[in-house]
Amino acid sequence: MIKEEKIELTTIIGAYGPFQRVVFLFAITISMFGAYHNLIITAVAPKIDHWCARPPDYDNMTDEEWKELAIPKENILGEERYSQCRMYNISTNATVSCNSWEYDHSHYRSTIVDEWDLVCSRSWLVSLSQSVYMAGYMTSMIIFGQLSDRVGRRMVICIALTILLTAGFSTLLSQSFVTFITLRYFVSLGVSGVGATSFVLLMEVVGPAKRSFFGLAYEFGWATGYLVLALVAYIIKSWFYVQLVAMVAALILVVGYWVLPESPRWLMANKKFSRARKIIMNAVERNEMDKEDAELKFELLKKEFDKEQPKSVFSKVTVFDLLKMPVLRKRTLIVYFCWFVNSFTYYAMSLNTNDLGGNPYINFAIAGAVEFPAYAISILMIQKMGRRWSQSGCMLLAGLACVVTIFFSGSTLWLKITFAMVGKFLITASYGILYVYSAEIYPTVVRNVGVGSSSTIARFGAIIAPFVKELGHATHPSVPFGVYGAICITSGLTVLLLPETRGALLPDTLAEGEAFRGPSSPSPKKSSKEAKGTSKKEREDSSREEDTSKRESASKGEDASKREEGSKAEESSRA
């Protein structure tokens, strides 16, 4: 009978229908904008050739004539090239540093590099701007994650969307580089706030069986935004208009916001039953569910939420509890390292496609296109091969592909680009797997804390990633790929020290997490100290309790893993 069952919200409104479709379209749209803004620095601040500017008296000379006269040649990797940062003093014939530059506009008409002369001793500022942007993502997770639990999903989306639009349009009016990176920080704050909160809203209104699909679909939105950026940059070739396209298109989110519902689950949890009933019955009508049955189930659901809940054990645990026990500490540090490596390598490879050689637009587009099959294959892999071998295999092969790129250049440049894209494909698949795997590694009482802290560690990787380009410039262009390869292979090997979680009864408590060894190990309940020395009757009672615990734990683990599967935007994400 209904009253004997625990009522799930989506049994009232339906697992998916026109009501959820509005939320899905909004979420996947902001996912596209998330990728666009995260990677836009590649289009607005690309690697472009430059040389010391000629004095006004030499304006009648061609570029080649000026270079032959005034620009010294340097030996770079065995190849003679015109210096980009020095010129001859025509009066004394001594070499001096440039104080202004001319730029090659064969690929790009206008960039922030030539707008504010971000070359030579100022080239590192491009990497700084992306790091500041990623810092905005980290700040957003801290601020909006807590705020959405207090004031609701829709209110936070409104606040974050206002920040995004205000900062985004203001970026177009930037008169200095400092203003530009400051506004980019707030763009990041806004886009990640809208993205993370809308993803949570989506997971709260779709049925449990649908969450895995929508987690994957959300990632396809990200990959689509990646490709859209490549196309827009190729057509427009001006940083101002590339940014303008993003902001004008973002106005569609304002329209979407007005038809976006508040989370009925959040309203029920906060005992705002009148508003919740209105939204739920609207969803019932739009999804063509039975109204009388919905009314009955709503009253039962209301009674469940209306009960006074005891203080939850979840509020008593922190990230430090993960580091107190030896087994959990080892696993936590391995998971942290994997998140750092995945985020670092993913963003370093995405942001530095210009340094591969060849056509920069094609390189960037391919790097985006490989994400579609990568996300799809990651889901198949974890189902067929399990989490551990899938994660380890992707990282080991990604590292190997990156190392192989070191051996190709010149006439074999196409092979270098091919292996680099194979590495990008594998690290993307690894990222998708890691969301599921890490959610299952942690015991239930620290699952949110574990995944949340892992995502924070990933942000540090994303903040550092832009500076890999500077490492390559200071040493050798192959050094970054050597770094990617080394850390990916190391990470892939350390993953083998983690237990498999596919098909396993997931642990609930810290003690069970400490004893957890995978699907072949004894049940966490049986492994606990309380299970020792029990009588036959006690073992029978324990068995019944274990069966109940299995159902509850499996449900929690499934929901948690599916909820985390597509949440890079919430990490951010990537977030």
Protein backbone atom coordinates (compact mmCIF):
# COMPACT_ATOMS: atom_id res chain seq x y z
CA MET A 1 0.00 0.00 0.00
CA ILE A 2 1.08 3.61 -0.63
CA LYS A 3 1.19 4.56 3.01
CA GLU A 4 3.67 1.77 3.74
CA GLU A 5 6.12 3.00 1.10
CA LYS A 6 8.54 5.85 1.18
CA ILE A 7 7.22 8.39 -1.31
CA GLU A 8 9.70 9.59 -3.93
CA LEU A 9 8.90 13.01 -5.40
CA THR A 10 9.19 11.82 -8.99
CA THR A 11 6.55 9.11 -8.41
CA ILE A 12 4.17 12.07 -8.07
CA ILE A 13 5.32 14.31 -10.92
CA GLY A 14 6.81 11.65 -13.20
CA ALA A 15 10.45 10.77 -13.89
CA TYR A 16 10.66 12.97 -16.97
CA GLY A 17 8.24 15.06 -19.00
CA PRO A 18 7.57 18.61 -20.21
CA PHE A 19 8.08 19.93 -16.65
CA GLN A 20 11.61 18.52 -16.42
CA ARG A 21 12.37 19.38 -20.04
CA VAL A 22 12.43 23.10 -19.20
CA VAL A 23 15.02 22.51 -16.48
CA PHE A 24 17.07 20.24 -18.74
CA LEU A 25 17.20 22.75 -21.59
CA PHE A 26 18.25 25.52 -19.20
CA ALA A 27 20.95 23.32 -17.62
CA ILE A 28 22.41 22.09 -20.91
CA THR A 29 22.44 25.67 -22.26
CA ILE A 30 24.46 26.98 -19.31
CA SER A 31 26.73 23.94 -19.68
CA MET A 32 27.52 25.13 -23.22
CA PHE A 33 28.26 28.64 -21.94
CA GLY A 34 30.44 27.16 -19.20
CA ALA A 35 32.73 25.51 -21.75
CA TYR A 36 32.70 28.63 -23.95
CA HIS A 37 33.81 30.94 -21.14
CA ASN A 38 36.23 28.45 -19.57
CA LEU A 39 38.17 28.03 -22.79
CA ILE A 40 37.64 31.41 -24.45
CA ILE A 41 41.15 32.53 -23.48
CA THR A 42 42.44 30.20 -26.23
CA ALA A 43 40.57 32.28 -28.82
CA VAL A 44 41.09 35.76 -27.37
CA ALA A 45 44.74 35.34 -26.30
CA PRO A 46 46.32 32.89 -28.76
CA LYS A 47 49.99 32.42 -29.54
CA ILE A 48 50.78 34.90 -32.35
CA ASP A 49 54.04 35.89 -33.99
CA HIS A 50 55.37 39.36 -33.09
CA TRP A 51 58.45 41.53 -33.50
CA CYS A 52 59.72 44.96 -32.49
CA ALA A 53 57.72 47.79 -34.03
CA ARG A 54 59.37 50.08 -36.59
CA PRO A 55 59.74 53.81 -36.02
CA PRO A 56 57.42 56.11 -38.07
CA ASP A 57 60.27 56.90 -40.49
CA TYR A 58 60.29 53.25 -41.65
CA ASP A 59 56.57 52.83 -42.29
CA ASN A 60 57.12 52.47 -46.04
CA MET A 61 59.09 49.23 -45.54
CA THR A 62 57.44 45.82 -45.76
CA ASP A 63 57.50 43.49 -42.76
CA GLU A 64 60.22 41.35 -44.30
CA GLU A 65 62.37 44.35 -45.21
CA TRP A 66 62.06 45.70 -41.66
CA LYS A 67 62.94 42.36 -40.10
CA GLU A 68 65.97 41.95 -42.36
CA LEU A 69 67.19 45.41 -41.42
CA ALA A 70 66.46 45.64 -37.70
CA ILE A 71 65.54 42.28 -36.16
CA PRO A 72 68.34 39.90 -35.10
CA LYS A 73 68.00 36.18 -35.64
CA GLU A 74 68.05 33.65 -32.80
CA ASN A 75 68.68 29.92 -32.82
CA ILE A 76 65.56 28.29 -31.40
CA LEU A 77 65.58 24.48 -31.24
CA GLY A 78 68.11 24.33 -34.07
CA GLU A 79 66.13 26.70 -36.28
CA GLU A 80 67.00 30.32 -36.99
CA ARG A 81 64.11 32.71 -36.38
CA TYR A 82 63.69 36.43 -36.05
CA SER A 83 63.77 37.60 -32.45
CA GLN A 84 60.39 38.47 -30.98
CA CYS A 85 61.67 40.61 -28.14
CA ARG A 86 64.84 42.38 -29.32
CA MET A 87 65.97 44.62 -32.20
CA TYR A 88 69.09 46.41 -33.40
CA ASN A 89 69.64 49.98 -32.36
CA ILE A 90 70.03 51.32 -35.88
CA SER A 91 72.43 54.06 -34.72
CA THR A 92 74.82 51.83 -32.74
CA ASN A 93 73.99 48.37 -34.11
CA ALA A 94 73.66 47.08 -30.54
CA THR A 95 70.65 44.91 -29.65
CA VAL A 96 68.04 46.40 -27.34
CA SER A 97 64.71 45.24 -25.92
CA CYS A 98 61.50 46.20 -27.70
CA ASN A 99 59.19 48.79 -26.20
CA SER A 100 56.41 48.25 -28.75
CA TRP A 101 55.48 45.45 -31.15
CA GLU A 102 53.92 44.57 -34.46
CA TYR A 103 51.86 41.39 -34.82
CA ASP A 104 51.12 38.72 -37.40
CA HIS A 105 47.37 38.94 -38.12
CA SER A 106 47.21 36.13 -40.67
CA HIS A 107 45.15 33.94 -38.30
CA TYR A 108 43.69 36.52 -35.89
CA ARG A 109 42.52 40.06 -36.58
CA SER A 110 42.41 41.27 -32.98
CA THR A 111 43.38 39.66 -29.67
CA ILE A 112 43.98 40.83 -26.12
CA VAL A 113 47.64 39.97 -26.73
CA ASP A 114 48.10 42.81 -29.23
CA GLU A 115 45.53 44.98 -27.42
CA TRP A 116 47.70 45.17 -24.29
CA ASP A 117 51.07 43.87 -25.58
CA LEU A 118 51.03 40.64 -23.58
CA VAL A 119 54.28 39.35 -25.05
CA CYS A 120 57.91 38.85 -24.00
CA SER A 121 58.27 39.84 -20.34
CA ARG A 122 54.49 40.29 -20.10
CA SER A 123 53.46 36.99 -21.74
CA TRP A 124 52.89 35.30 -18.37
CA LEU A 125 49.95 37.64 -17.76
CA VAL A 126 47.86 35.58 -20.20
CA SER A 127 48.31 32.54 -17.97
CA LEU A 128 47.58 34.67 -14.92
CA SER A 129 44.26 35.79 -16.39
CA GLN A 130 43.13 32.17 -16.80
CA SER A 131 44.28 31.27 -13.29
CA VAL A 132 42.29 34.20 -11.88
CA TYR A 133 39.28 32.95 -13.84
CA MET A 134 39.64 29.46 -12.34
CA ALA A 135 39.94 30.98 -8.87
CA GLY A 136 36.48 32.43 -9.49
CA TYR A 137 35.19 28.88 -10.01
CA MET A 138 36.57 27.84 -6.63
CA THR A 139 35.04 30.87 -4.91
CA SER A 140 31.70 30.20 -6.57
CA MET A 141 31.59 26.64 -5.25
CA ILE A 142 32.05 27.88 -1.70
CA ILE A 143 29.59 30.78 -1.88
CA PHE A 144 26.75 29.53 -4.06
CA GLY A 145 26.81 25.93 -2.82
CA GLN A 146 25.87 27.04 0.70
CA LEU A 147 23.65 29.89 -0.44
CA SER A 148 21.47 27.66 -2.63
CA ASP A 149 20.72 25.44 0.37
CA ARG A 150 19.63 28.52 2.33
CA VAL A 151 17.64 30.64 -0.13
CA GLY A 152 16.73 28.15 -2.85
CA ARG A 153 18.00 27.14 -6.27
CA ARG A 154 16.08 29.70 -8.30
CA MET A 155 17.21 32.70 -6.22
CA VAL A 156 20.87 31.70 -6.54
CA ILE A 157 20.48 31.23 -10.30
CA CYS A 158 19.04 34.76 -10.46
CA ILE A 159 21.96 36.24 -8.47
CA ALA A 160 24.64 34.34 -10.41
CA LEU A 161 23.02 35.11 -13.77
CA THR A 162 22.97 38.82 -12.92
CA ILE A 163 26.68 38.67 -12.07
CA LEU A 164 27.44 36.80 -15.30
CA LEU A 165 25.61 39.25 -17.57
CA THR A 166 26.88 42.38 -15.80
CA ALA A 167 30.52 41.26 -15.72
CA GLY A 168 30.38 39.73 -19.21
CA PHE A 169 29.11 42.84 -20.97
CA SER A 170 31.43 45.04 -18.87
CA THR A 171 34.40 43.00 -20.09
CA LEU A 172 33.77 44.42 -23.57
CA LEU A 173 34.41 47.91 -22.20
CA SER A 174 37.73 47.04 -20.53
CA GLN A 175 40.30 49.79 -20.93
CA SER A 176 43.12 47.93 -19.18
CA PHE A 177 44.27 44.38 -18.68
CA VAL A 178 43.74 44.60 -14.90
CA THR A 179 40.11 45.53 -15.50
CA PHE A 180 39.77 42.66 -17.97
CA ILE A 181 41.01 39.93 -15.61
CA THR A 182 39.02 41.36 -12.69
CA LEU A 183 35.81 41.20 -14.71
CA ARG A 184 36.74 37.72 -15.96
CA TYR A 185 36.86 36.61 -12.32
CA PHE A 186 33.25 37.71 -11.87
CA VAL A 187 32.22 36.08 -15.17
CA SER A 188 33.60 32.82 -13.74
CA LEU A 189 31.77 33.41 -10.47
CA GLY A 190 28.50 33.88 -12.36
CA VAL A 191 28.75 31.13 -14.97
CA SER A 192 29.82 28.48 -12.45
CA GLY A 193 27.12 29.58 -9.99
CA VAL A 194 24.39 29.25 -12.60
CA GLY A 195 25.84 25.99 -13.94
CA ALA A 196 26.28 24.19 -10.63
CA THR A 197 22.91 25.25 -9.23
CA SER A 198 20.95 24.42 -12.39
CA PHE A 199 22.60 20.98 -12.47
CA VAL A 200 21.55 20.34 -8.88
CA LEU A 201 18.02 21.49 -9.76
CA LEU A 202 17.95 19.08 -12.71
CA MET A 203 19.04 16.14 -10.53
CA GLU A 204 16.33 17.02 -8.00
CA VAL A 205 13.42 16.92 -10.47
CA VAL A 206 14.26 13.91 -12.66
CA GLY A 207 13.69 10.31 -11.57
CA PRO A 208 16.58 8.26 -10.10
CA ALA A 209 16.69 6.00 -13.18
CA LYS A 210 17.11 9.05 -15.43
CA ARG A 211 19.94 10.76 -13.55
CA SER A 212 22.72 8.83 -15.25
CA PHE A 213 21.41 9.80 -18.69
CA PHE A 214 21.06 13.48 -17.81
CA GLY A 215 24.49 13.55 -16.19
CA LEU A 216 25.94 12.38 -19.51
CA ALA A 217 23.72 14.76 -21.51
CA TYR A 218 25.01 17.65 -19.41
CA GLU A 219 28.56 16.79 -20.47
CA PHE A 220 27.47 16.75 -24.11
CA GLY A 221 26.35 20.34 -23.57
CA TRP A 222 29.89 21.15 -22.43
CA ALA A 223 31.41 19.48 -25.50
CA THR A 224 28.98 21.37 -27.75
CA GLY A 225 30.07 24.68 -26.22
CA TYR A 226 33.68 23.68 -26.91
CA LEU A 227 32.93 23.24 -30.63
CA VAL A 228 30.79 26.37 -30.85
CA LEU A 229 33.71 28.42 -29.50
CA ALA A 230 36.03 26.95 -32.17
CA LEU A 231 33.52 27.82 -34.91
CA VAL A 232 32.85 31.37 -33.65
CA ALA A 233 36.57 32.09 -33.25
CA TYR A 234 37.27 30.80 -36.77
CA ILE A 235 34.56 32.96 -38.34
CA ILE A 236 35.07 36.18 -36.37
CA LYS A 237 38.79 36.24 -35.44
CA SER A 238 38.34 39.23 -33.10
CA TRP A 239 38.40 38.89 -29.31
CA PHE A 240 35.79 41.64 -28.81
CA TYR A 241 33.19 39.98 -31.03
CA VAL A 242 33.95 36.47 -29.77
CA GLN A 243 33.08 37.75 -26.29
CA LEU A 244 30.10 39.75 -27.59
CA VAL A 245 28.57 36.67 -29.25
CA ALA A 246 28.72 34.81 -25.94
CA MET A 247 27.04 37.61 -24.00
CA VAL A 248 24.28 38.33 -26.51
CA ALA A 249 23.52 34.61 -26.72
CA ALA A 250 23.48 34.44 -22.90
CA LEU A 251 20.40 36.67 -22.88
CA ILE A 252 18.42 33.54 -23.73
CA LEU A 253 19.12 32.44 -20.15
CA VAL A 254 17.09 35.42 -18.92
CA VAL A 255 14.10 34.13 -20.87
CA GLY A 256 14.74 30.64 -19.55
CA TYR A 257 14.92 31.87 -15.97
CA TRP A 258 11.34 33.19 -16.03
CA VAL A 259 9.94 29.75 -16.86
CA LEU A 260 12.35 27.88 -14.56
CA PRO A 261 10.64 26.38 -11.49
CA GLU A 262 11.99 26.31 -7.96
CA SER A 263 13.08 22.88 -6.78
CA PRO A 264 10.01 21.25 -5.20
CA ARG A 265 12.37 18.97 -3.28
CA TRP A 266 14.11 21.99 -1.72
CA LEU A 267 10.76 23.57 -0.88
CA MET A 268 9.55 20.38 0.83
CA ALA A 269 12.80 19.99 2.76
CA ASN A 270 12.43 23.57 4.01
CA LYS A 271 8.73 22.97 4.82
CA LYS A 272 7.43 25.52 2.33
CA PHE A 273 4.54 23.19 1.56
CA SER A 274 2.16 25.71 -0.01
CA ARG A 275 4.65 26.74 -2.72
CA ALA A 276 5.77 23.14 -3.16
CA ARG A 277 2.20 21.94 -3.70
CA LYS A 278 1.58 24.58 -6.35
CA ILE A 279 4.71 23.61 -8.31
CA ILE A 280 4.13 19.87 -7.89
CA MET A 281 0.53 20.03 -9.08
CA ASN A 282 1.62 22.16 -12.04
CA ALA A 283 4.19 19.47 -12.89
CA VAL A 284 1.53 16.76 -12.50
CA GLU A 285 -0.71 18.58 -14.97
CA ARG A 286 2.06 19.25 -17.51
CA ASN A 287 3.34 15.67 -17.32
CA GLU A 288 -0.22 14.31 -17.53
CA MET A 289 -0.02 12.35 -14.28
CA ASP A 290 -3.05 11.25 -12.22
CA LYS A 291 -4.17 14.27 -10.15
CA GLU A 292 -6.08 12.36 -7.46
CA ASP A 293 -3.22 9.95 -6.89
CA ALA A 294 -0.82 12.91 -6.84
CA GLU A 295 -2.88 14.68 -4.14
CA LEU A 296 -2.82 11.58 -1.95
CA LYS A 297 0.91 11.02 -2.41
CA PHE A 298 1.65 14.69 -1.79
CA GLU A 299 -0.06 14.55 1.61
CA LEU A 300 1.97 11.47 2.52
CA LEU A 301 5.17 13.13 1.32
CA LYS A 302 4.31 16.24 3.31
CA LYS A 303 3.93 14.15 6.48
CA GLU A 304 7.37 12.63 5.91
CA PHE A 305 9.03 16.03 5.53
CA ASP A 306 6.96 17.50 8.35
CA LYS A 307 8.35 15.07 10.89
CA GLU A 308 11.02 16.41 13.19
CA GLN A 309 14.29 14.94 11.97
CA PRO A 310 16.99 14.00 14.49
CA LYS A 311 20.38 15.66 14.14
CA SER A 312 22.10 13.93 11.27
CA VAL A 313 25.41 12.17 11.63
CA PHE A 314 26.39 13.79 8.33
CA SER A 315 26.81 17.16 10.04
CA LYS A 316 29.37 15.74 12.45
CA VAL A 317 31.95 14.63 9.91
CA THR A 318 34.54 16.76 8.15
CA VAL A 319 37.30 16.24 5.62
CA PHE A 320 39.70 15.67 8.54
CA ASP A 321 37.82 12.48 9.44
CA LEU A 322 38.94 11.08 6.09
CA LEU A 323 42.56 11.60 7.08
CA LYS A 324 42.42 10.09 10.58
CA MET A 325 42.09 6.43 9.62
CA PRO A 326 45.00 4.82 7.71
CA VAL A 327 43.08 3.06 4.90
CA LEU A 328 40.72 5.96 4.24
CA ARG A 329 43.65 8.38 4.42
CA LYS A 330 45.56 6.45 1.75
CA ARG A 331 42.52 6.25 -0.51
CA THR A 332 41.64 9.90 -0.01
CA LEU A 333 45.14 11.07 -0.92
CA ILE A 334 45.10 8.86 -4.04
CA VAL A 335 41.70 10.22 -5.09
CA TYR A 336 42.88 13.80 -4.45
CA PHE A 337 45.94 13.19 -6.61
CA CYS A 338 43.79 11.75 -9.41
CA TRP A 339 41.48 14.76 -9.36
CA PHE A 340 44.43 17.15 -9.42
CA VAL A 341 46.09 15.30 -12.32
CA ASN A 342 42.87 15.02 -14.33
CA SER A 343 41.99 18.68 -13.95
CA PHE A 344 45.55 19.87 -14.54
CA THR A 345 46.07 17.75 -17.66
CA TYR A 346 42.59 18.38 -19.09
CA TYR A 347 42.88 22.16 -18.91
CA ALA A 348 46.57 22.28 -19.85
CA MET A 349 45.90 20.31 -23.03
CA SER A 350 42.70 22.22 -23.83
CA LEU A 351 44.24 25.66 -23.37
CA ASN A 352 47.51 24.99 -25.18
CA THR A 353 46.36 23.51 -28.50
CA ASN A 354 47.96 26.55 -30.19
CA ASP A 355 51.39 25.23 -29.20
CA LEU A 356 50.96 21.97 -31.11
CA GLY A 357 51.67 23.56 -34.48
CA GLY A 358 49.51 23.39 -37.58
CA ASN A 359 46.16 25.17 -37.88
CA PRO A 360 45.12 26.42 -34.41
CA TYR A 361 41.40 26.35 -35.24
CA ILE A 362 41.48 22.75 -36.43
CA ASN A 363 43.49 21.67 -33.38
CA PHE A 364 41.02 23.33 -31.02
CA ALA A 365 37.99 21.91 -32.84
CA ILE A 366 39.39 18.36 -32.76
CA ALA A 367 40.15 18.72 -29.04
CA GLY A 368 36.49 19.59 -28.52
CA ALA A 369 35.10 16.93 -30.86
CA VAL A 370 36.86 14.06 -29.06
CA GLU A 371 34.84 14.82 -25.93
CA PHE A 372 31.62 13.42 -27.41
CA PRO A 373 32.85 9.83 -27.82
CA ALA A 374 34.99 10.12 -24.67
CA TYR A 375 32.00 10.71 -22.40
CA ALA A 376 29.94 8.00 -24.10
CA ILE A 377 32.73 5.44 -23.91
CA SER A 378 33.45 6.24 -20.25
CA ILE A 379 29.94 5.10 -19.33
CA LEU A 380 30.34 1.83 -21.25
CA MET A 381 33.76 1.20 -19.71
CA ILE A 382 32.66 1.50 -16.09
CA GLN A 383 29.78 -0.88 -16.78
CA LYS A 384 31.87 -3.51 -18.58
CA MET A 385 35.35 -3.17 -17.04
CA GLY A 386 34.58 -1.74 -13.63
CA ARG A 387 35.75 1.54 -12.13
CA ARG A 388 39.34 0.79 -11.12
CA TRP A 389 40.64 -0.72 -14.37
CA SER A 390 38.76 1.83 -16.47
CA GLN A 391 40.21 4.74 -14.50
CA SER A 392 43.72 3.30 -14.40
CA GLY A 393 43.69 2.26 -18.06
CA CYS A 394 42.56 5.66 -19.31
CA MET A 395 45.21 7.49 -17.30
CA LEU A 396 48.03 5.12 -18.21
CA LEU A 397 47.20 5.27 -21.91
CA ALA A 398 46.72 9.05 -21.76
CA GLY A 399 50.16 9.38 -20.19
CA LEU A 400 51.70 7.10 -22.80
CA ALA A 401 50.09 9.08 -25.64
CA CYS A 402 51.48 12.33 -24.21
CA VAL A 403 54.99 10.87 -23.92
CA VAL A 404 54.87 9.62 -27.52
CA THR A 405 54.10 13.14 -28.83
CA ILE A 406 57.58 14.21 -27.71
CA PHE A 407 59.18 12.20 -30.52
CA PHE A 408 57.35 13.87 -33.41
CA SER A 409 57.83 17.27 -35.07
CA GLY A 410 58.52 18.78 -38.47
CA SER A 411 57.37 16.46 -41.25
CA THR A 412 55.69 14.17 -38.69
CA LEU A 413 53.78 17.00 -37.02
CA TRP A 414 50.49 15.30 -37.90
CA LEU A 415 51.51 12.34 -35.74
CA LYS A 416 52.26 14.66 -32.83
CA ILE A 417 48.81 16.23 -33.13
CA THR A 418 47.19 12.78 -33.47
CA PHE A 419 48.75 11.42 -30.29
CA ALA A 420 48.01 14.65 -28.44
CA MET A 421 44.33 14.29 -29.35
CA VAL A 422 44.36 10.64 -28.28
CA GLY A 423 45.70 11.84 -24.94
CA LYS A 424 42.97 14.49 -24.75
CA PHE A 425 40.32 11.86 -25.54
CA LEU A 426 41.57 9.54 -22.79
CA ILE A 427 41.93 12.21 -20.11
CA THR A 428 38.38 13.37 -20.86
CA ALA A 429 37.08 9.81 -20.47
CA SER A 430 39.10 9.48 -17.27
CA TYR A 431 37.51 12.66 -15.91
CA GLY A 432 34.03 11.25 -16.53
CA ILE A 433 34.87 7.95 -14.80
CA LEU A 434 36.44 9.71 -11.82
CA TYR A 435 33.19 11.43 -10.88
CA VAL A 436 31.46 8.08 -10.48
CA TYR A 437 34.41 6.26 -8.90
CA SER A 438 35.21 8.84 -6.24
CA ALA A 439 31.54 9.06 -5.19
CA GLU A 440 31.57 5.30 -4.55
CA ILE A 441 34.95 5.13 -2.79
CA TYR A 442 33.85 7.30 0.13
CA PRO A 443 31.51 6.04 2.91
CA THR A 444 28.03 7.55 2.88
CA VAL A 445 28.62 9.76 5.94
CA VAL A 446 31.50 11.56 4.19
CA ARG A 447 30.53 11.10 0.54
CA ASN A 448 29.53 14.71 -0.09
CA VAL A 449 32.53 15.96 1.90
CA GLY A 450 34.86 13.63 0.01
CA VAL A 451 33.65 14.50 -3.48
CA GLY A 452 33.40 18.20 -2.63
CA SER A 453 36.95 18.37 -1.26
CA SER A 454 38.22 16.37 -4.25
CA SER A 455 36.63 18.88 -6.59
CA THR A 456 38.33 21.69 -4.67
CA ILE A 457 41.70 19.98 -5.15
CA ALA A 458 40.88 19.78 -8.87
CA ARG A 459 40.48 23.57 -8.97
CA PHE A 460 44.11 23.93 -7.87
CA GLY A 461 45.11 21.82 -10.86
CA ALA A 462 43.05 24.06 -13.14
CA ILE A 463 44.62 27.20 -11.63
CA ILE A 464 48.17 25.92 -12.24
CA ALA A 465 47.48 24.46 -15.71
CA PRO A 466 47.78 27.72 -17.71
CA PHE A 467 51.37 28.19 -16.56
CA VAL A 468 52.51 24.97 -18.26
CA LYS A 469 52.83 27.07 -21.40
CA GLU A 470 55.39 29.25 -19.64
CA LEU A 471 57.32 26.13 -18.64
CA GLY A 472 57.51 25.08 -22.29
CA HIS A 473 58.72 28.52 -23.36
CA ALA A 474 61.39 28.58 -20.64
CA THR A 475 62.70 25.06 -21.37
CA HIS A 476 61.57 23.09 -24.42
CA PRO A 477 58.17 22.73 -26.16
CA SER A 478 58.19 19.00 -25.40
CA VAL A 479 58.57 19.45 -21.64
CA PRO A 480 54.84 20.05 -20.96
CA PHE A 481 53.91 16.76 -22.65
CA GLY A 482 56.60 15.03 -20.62
CA VAL A 483 55.00 16.44 -17.47
CA TYR A 484 51.51 15.34 -18.58
CA GLY A 485 52.80 11.86 -19.34
CA ALA A 486 54.69 11.44 -16.06
CA ILE A 487 51.86 12.52 -13.77
CA CYS A 488 49.18 10.63 -15.72
CA ILE A 489 51.16 7.38 -15.61
CA THR A 490 51.88 7.87 -11.91
CA SER A 491 48.23 8.56 -11.21
CA GLY A 492 47.13 5.55 -13.27
CA LEU A 493 49.39 3.27 -11.24
CA THR A 494 48.25 4.64 -7.87
CA VAL A 495 44.61 3.99 -8.84
CA LEU A 496 45.41 0.26 -8.77
CA LEU A 497 45.81 0.61 -4.99
CA LEU A 498 42.11 1.47 -4.71
CA PRO A 499 39.36 -1.17 -4.41
CA GLU A 500 36.88 -1.95 -7.17
CA THR A 501 33.40 -0.59 -6.41
CA ARG A 502 31.29 -1.98 -9.25
CA GLY A 503 28.63 -4.29 -7.82
CA ALA A 504 29.88 -3.77 -4.26
CA LEU A 505 27.77 -2.97 -1.22
CA LEU A 506 28.99 0.56 -0.53
CA PRO A 507 30.07 1.44 3.02
CA ASP A 508 27.97 3.80 5.13
CA THR A 509 30.11 4.55 8.20
CA LEU A 510 33.78 5.42 8.60
CA ALA A 511 34.44 2.01 10.19
CA GLU A 512 32.84 0.25 7.23
CA GLY A 513 34.84 2.42 4.86
CA GLU A 514 38.04 1.44 6.63
CA ALA A 515 37.15 -2.26 6.25
CA PHE A 516 35.89 -1.99 2.66
CA ARG A 517 37.91 -4.04 0.16
CA GLY A 518 35.57 -4.23 -2.85
CA PRO A 519 32.83 -6.58 -4.09
CA SER A 520 34.75 -9.73 -3.12
CA SER A 521 35.28 -8.60 0.47
CA PRO A 522 32.88 -9.44 3.31
CA SER A 523 29.90 -7.15 3.78
CA PRO A 524 30.91 -3.97 5.61
CA LYS A 525 28.28 -4.82 8.20
CA LYS A 526 29.84 -8.23 8.79
CA SER A 527 33.31 -6.75 8.91
CA SER A 528 32.54 -4.40 11.78
CA LYS A 529 33.60 -5.30 15.31
CA GLU A 530 30.01 -5.52 16.47
CA ALA A 531 29.50 -8.56 14.23
CA LYS A 532 32.11 -10.62 16.08
CA GLY A 533 31.09 -13.32 18.54
CA THR A 534 27.35 -13.13 17.91
CA SER A 535 24.93 -15.91 18.70
CA LYS A 536 22.90 -17.71 16.06
CA LYS A 537 19.86 -15.56 16.84
CA GLU A 538 21.99 -12.42 16.73
CA ARG A 539 23.46 -13.50 13.39
CA GLU A 540 19.97 -14.02 12.01
CA ASP A 541 18.94 -10.58 13.28
CA SER A 542 22.14 -9.13 11.85
CA SER A 543 21.41 -10.79 8.51
CA ARG A 544 17.99 -9.20 8.36
CA GLU A 545 19.50 -5.83 9.27
CA GLU A 546 22.20 -6.33 6.64
CA ASP A 547 19.60 -6.95 3.92
CA THR A 548 17.85 -3.74 4.88
CA SER A 549 21.18 -1.92 4.96
CA LYS A 550 22.07 -3.25 1.51
CA ARG A 551 18.93 -1.85 0.01
CA GLU A 552 19.43 1.51 1.72
CA SER A 553 23.16 1.72 1.01
CA ALA A 554 22.80 0.64 -2.61
CA SER A 555 20.14 3.27 -3.10
CA LYS A 556 22.34 5.92 -1.53
CA GLY A 557 25.38 4.85 -3.51
CA GLU A 558 23.48 4.71 -6.81
CA ASP A 559 21.93 8.12 -6.28
CA ALA A 560 25.24 9.62 -5.22
CA SER A 561 27.19 8.16 -8.12
CA LYS A 562 24.61 9.18 -10.68
CA ARG A 563 24.34 12.59 -9.19
CA GLU A 564 28.10 13.07 -9.38
CA GLU A 565 28.50 11.49 -12.82
CA GLY A 566 27.95 14.64 -14.83
CA SER A 567 28.66 17.33 -12.26
CA LYS A 568 31.93 18.92 -13.60
CA ALA A 569 30.06 22.17 -13.73
CA GLU A 570 29.28 21.78 -10.02
CA GLU A 571 32.76 21.09 -9.10
CA SER A 572 33.63 22.46 -11.82
CA SER A 573 33.14 20.90 -12.81
CA ARG A 574 34.91 20.63 -13.79
CA ALA A 575 34.27 21.95 -12.92
